[in-house]
Structure formats: structure tokens, C-alpha cells
Amino acid sequence: MRLFIALNLPEEERRQIREAAAPLREAGLPVRWIEDDVYHLTLKFLGQVRSETIPVVERVVRRVAASTRAFPITVAGFGAFPTIRRPRVLWLGVEPTPALRCLKQDLEWGLATHGFERETQAFHPHITLGRAGEGEGAGAFRGLDELAAGLDYSSTLEVATVDIMRSHISKQGARYSLLESAPLKP
């Protein structure tokens, strides 16, 4: 199974993000837009996981969640990776608070003891909104920087669970299903 660990967003929050990002969608950019019902913040991508290893992942996530107090996160600011002028991913940012960084780090260390490779890239928490085609030139995104800078969205959410998600890849795009949700300490 192809798995990742995420923070899922409430339905109302996803709807508001979609509305705030509407000008990006309407700009005619060569982007495959993500449906708002799957907006999430990925904490760790696990890739293909053998079925016999899933209980280990579940135990680690439950243990880390049980030792982490619920905390708020702020979602704000539109941007792109690697750059706004030649994007591959368009996103909505998430403030990298100490609590969020600690949760991410605890998951990394907990899973590393069971053979999962630790990520070495810096953690840039975000919610993916869309993906640009590989062959698009910089001119295809002219004005995106001004458009993104002009969008105003900010919200604070309470993180109360960590979710293990299954990714189903098809020609229509990725679909996600919840494998397990682990509650944080109240």
C-alpha cells in the first residue's frame, strides 16, 4: 500500500480555501488543480508499505500522537515550489510552529527506528492546491507572483489528530482514504 501521514482539514476550511484560491483557478494557468476534498498537510510520505509493516506504522503514529498536545496552526499565504515564476506546485502555506515541527520530528525519529528513511530536506509545511505541467515555460506563469501576492487568506485551526492515509493513484489523479486517525492529547 502507498501511505503517507497527514493532517486533514475540516470540510468548511477546505471550502474556504477553495474559494480564496478561485482567482488562481480562473487565471487560465497550465495547472492540474487538486480537488478541495483532499486538501491536507503531509507530514511524512512513506511510499509503498508492505501489509505486515502497517501495524508498526500505526503503533508509532498512535504513540507520537498520544504524547503530543493538541495545538493550533495558522494557514496563510499562497506560493509555489520551486519558484513562483516557474512553479511545479502551487500551495497555501502553513506556519511552521515549534509544535508542528516537533510533531514532524517525532514521527521521523519514531519511524526511522523501524527502517523508514528520515527526510533530510527542510520542512516547508503547505497544502498543495495544484501541480504545473513539466514542460511549461516561465511565460506561462507571467503575473502569477502578483496574483498570489494579492490573495488574502488566513485561518487558525486546532490540530487534534494525525492521520495515516492511503494513496490510490489512477489516470484521473490521486484519491486518498483514511487508514487510521490517532488523537492528540487534549
Protein backbone atom coordinates (compact mmCIF):
# COMPACT_ATOMS: atom_id res chain seq x y z
CA MET A 1 0.00 0.00 0.00
CA ARG A 2 1.13 3.54 -0.76
CA LEU A 3 0.88 5.53 2.51
CA PHE A 4 1.53 8.96 3.96
CA ILE A 5 0.93 10.66 7.30
CA ALA A 6 -1.10 13.86 7.22
CA LEU A 7 -3.12 16.49 8.97
CA ASN A 8 -6.52 16.58 7.30
CA LEU A 9 -8.56 19.76 7.21
CA PRO A 10 -12.20 20.22 8.23
CA GLU A 11 -14.67 20.37 5.35
CA GLU A 12 -15.57 24.03 5.95
CA GLU A 13 -11.88 25.01 5.95
CA ARG A 14 -11.31 23.20 2.66
CA ARG A 15 -14.29 25.01 1.12
CA GLN A 16 -12.98 28.41 2.27
CA ILE A 17 -9.51 27.66 0.88
CA ARG A 18 -11.02 26.72 -2.48
CA GLU A 19 -12.98 29.99 -2.56
CA ALA A 20 -9.89 32.03 -1.63
CA ALA A 21 -7.86 30.29 -4.37
CA ALA A 22 -10.55 30.77 -7.03
CA PRO A 23 -8.65 33.62 -8.76
CA LEU A 24 -5.72 31.24 -9.28
CA ARG A 25 -8.01 28.59 -10.77
CA GLU A 26 -9.67 31.17 -13.03
CA ALA A 27 -6.38 32.63 -14.32
CA GLY A 28 -6.03 30.04 -17.09
CA LEU A 29 -2.74 28.69 -15.80
CA PRO A 30 -1.48 25.31 -17.09
CA VAL A 31 -2.10 23.63 -13.73
CA ARG A 32 -3.86 20.42 -12.67
CA TRP A 33 -5.89 21.66 -9.71
CA ILE A 34 -6.37 19.44 -6.67
CA GLU A 35 -9.95 18.87 -5.57
CA ASP A 36 -10.65 20.52 -2.24
CA ASP A 37 -11.98 17.31 -0.69
CA VAL A 38 -8.38 16.03 -0.47
CA TYR A 39 -6.62 19.19 0.80
CA HIS A 40 -4.24 18.16 3.59
CA LEU A 41 -0.82 18.85 5.07
CA THR A 42 1.59 15.96 4.50
CA LEU A 43 3.83 15.27 7.49
CA LYS A 44 5.62 12.26 6.02
CA PHE A 45 5.37 10.34 2.78
CA LEU A 46 6.03 6.64 3.41
CA GLY A 47 5.65 5.29 -0.14
CA GLN A 48 4.94 1.61 -0.68
CA VAL A 49 4.48 -0.13 2.67
CA ARG A 50 4.13 -3.91 2.98
CA SER A 51 0.93 -5.00 4.70
CA GLU A 52 2.87 -6.65 7.55
CA THR A 53 4.58 -3.30 8.30
CA ILE A 54 1.33 -1.31 8.62
CA PRO A 55 0.75 -2.25 12.31
CA VAL A 56 4.23 -0.88 13.12
CA VAL A 57 3.38 2.43 11.41
CA GLU A 58 0.06 2.57 13.27
CA ARG A 59 1.77 1.96 16.63
CA VAL A 60 4.37 4.69 16.02
CA VAL A 61 1.76 7.22 14.92
CA ARG A 62 -0.52 6.40 17.89
CA ARG A 63 2.42 6.68 20.34
CA VAL A 64 3.61 10.02 18.92
CA ALA A 65 0.06 11.42 18.81
CA ALA A 66 -0.66 10.32 22.40
CA SER A 67 2.45 12.14 23.61
CA THR A 68 1.67 15.37 21.70
CA ARG A 69 -0.74 18.02 22.97
CA ALA A 70 -3.33 19.38 20.53
CA PHE A 71 -2.09 22.69 19.11
CA PRO A 72 -3.15 25.44 16.71
CA ILE A 73 -1.72 26.02 13.23
CA THR A 74 -2.10 29.09 11.05
CA VAL A 75 -2.79 28.63 7.36
CA ALA A 76 -1.90 31.68 5.23
CA GLY A 77 -0.01 32.87 2.17
CA PHE A 78 -0.08 31.49 -1.36
CA GLY A 79 3.15 30.45 -3.06
CA ALA A 80 4.87 27.90 -5.27
CA PHE A 81 7.76 25.43 -5.36
CA PRO A 82 10.47 25.73 -6.54
CA THR A 83 9.72 29.34 -7.57
CA ILE A 84 6.62 31.39 -8.31
CA ARG A 85 7.89 32.17 -11.82
CA ARG A 86 8.45 28.50 -12.77
CA PRO A 87 6.23 26.56 -10.40
CA ARG A 88 5.79 22.82 -10.15
CA VAL A 89 3.48 23.02 -7.12
CA LEU A 90 1.13 25.84 -6.13
CA TRP A 91 0.34 25.89 -2.43
CA LEU A 92 -1.15 27.57 0.59
CA GLY A 93 1.38 27.94 3.38
CA VAL A 94 1.19 26.66 6.95
CA GLU A 95 3.16 28.41 9.69
CA PRO A 96 5.96 26.07 10.84
CA THR A 97 5.32 26.47 14.57
CA PRO A 98 7.52 24.71 17.13
CA ALA A 99 4.64 22.32 17.96
CA LEU A 100 4.22 21.36 14.29
CA ARG A 101 7.97 20.93 13.81
CA CYS A 102 8.19 18.75 16.94
CA LEU A 103 5.32 16.55 15.75
CA LYS A 104 7.03 16.11 12.38
CA GLN A 105 10.39 15.34 14.02
CA ASP A 106 8.90 12.85 16.49
CA LEU A 107 7.25 10.98 13.60
CA GLU A 108 10.53 10.99 11.65
CA TRP A 109 12.53 9.58 14.57
CA GLY A 110 9.86 7.08 15.57
CA LEU A 111 9.56 5.68 12.05
CA ALA A 112 13.34 5.73 11.43
CA THR A 113 13.80 3.14 14.19
CA HIS A 114 11.65 0.81 12.05
CA GLY A 115 13.54 1.22 8.81
CA PHE A 116 11.83 4.26 7.27
CA GLU A 117 14.31 6.73 5.84
CA ARG A 118 14.44 10.10 7.57
CA GLU A 119 13.78 13.10 5.37
CA THR A 120 16.77 15.38 5.01
CA GLN A 121 15.11 18.30 3.21
CA ALA A 122 13.89 21.25 5.23
CA PHE A 123 10.25 21.01 6.30
CA HIS A 124 8.08 23.56 4.46
CA PRO A 125 4.53 22.82 5.62
CA HIS A 126 1.92 23.58 2.97
CA ILE A 127 -1.35 22.50 1.42
CA THR A 128 -0.95 21.59 -2.25
CA LEU A 129 -3.54 23.34 -4.43
CA GLY A 130 -2.28 22.36 -7.87
CA ARG A 131 0.57 20.94 -9.94
CA ALA A 132 2.03 22.55 -13.05
CA GLY A 133 2.98 20.59 -16.15
CA GLU A 134 6.66 19.76 -16.56
CA GLY A 135 7.14 21.34 -19.98
CA GLU A 136 5.63 24.73 -19.23
CA GLY A 137 7.87 27.73 -19.83
CA ALA A 138 8.20 30.64 -17.45
CA GLY A 139 6.00 32.79 -19.70
CA ALA A 140 3.02 30.54 -18.98
CA PHE A 141 3.04 31.86 -15.41
CA ARG A 142 3.50 35.57 -16.13
CA GLY A 143 1.67 37.57 -13.46
CA LEU A 144 1.31 34.65 -11.06
CA ASP A 145 3.53 36.35 -8.48
CA GLU A 146 1.29 39.46 -8.38
CA LEU A 147 -1.87 37.36 -8.40
CA ALA A 148 -0.70 35.18 -5.48
CA ALA A 149 0.52 38.20 -3.52
CA GLY A 150 -2.90 39.83 -3.92
CA LEU A 151 -4.82 36.92 -2.44
CA ASP A 152 -5.74 37.28 1.20
CA TYR A 153 -6.41 34.20 3.28
CA SER A 154 -5.57 33.40 6.87
CA SER A 155 -7.10 30.93 9.29
CA THR A 156 -6.15 29.23 12.53
CA LEU A 157 -7.06 25.58 13.08
CA GLU A 158 -6.74 23.22 16.02
CA VAL A 159 -4.71 20.08 15.26
CA ALA A 160 -6.37 17.26 17.20
CA THR A 161 -5.49 14.15 15.16
CA VAL A 162 -2.74 12.69 12.99
CA ASP A 163 -3.99 10.60 10.09
CA ILE A 164 -2.45 7.67 8.23
CA MET A 165 -3.65 7.97 4.65
CA ARG A 166 -3.66 5.55 1.75
CA SER A 167 -3.00 6.95 -1.71
CA HIS A 168 -4.74 5.39 -4.72
CA ILE A 169 -3.11 6.52 -7.98
CA SER A 170 -5.04 6.41 -11.25
CA LYS A 171 -5.21 8.23 -14.59
CA GLN A 172 -7.86 10.51 -13.06
CA GLY A 173 -5.41 11.56 -10.35
CA ALA A 174 -4.81 10.59 -6.75
CA ARG A 175 -7.58 9.58 -4.37
CA TYR A 176 -6.96 9.27 -0.66
CA SER A 177 -8.60 7.16 2.00
CA LEU A 178 -8.19 7.27 5.76
CA LEU A 179 -6.47 4.20 7.18
CA GLU A 180 -6.32 5.36 10.81
CA SER A 181 -6.75 8.55 12.79
CA ALA A 182 -4.72 8.94 16.01
CA PRO A 183 -5.92 11.55 18.53
CA LEU A 184 -3.52 14.01 20.12
CA LYS A 185 -3.57 14.71 23.87
CA PRO A 186 -6.36 17.20 24.70
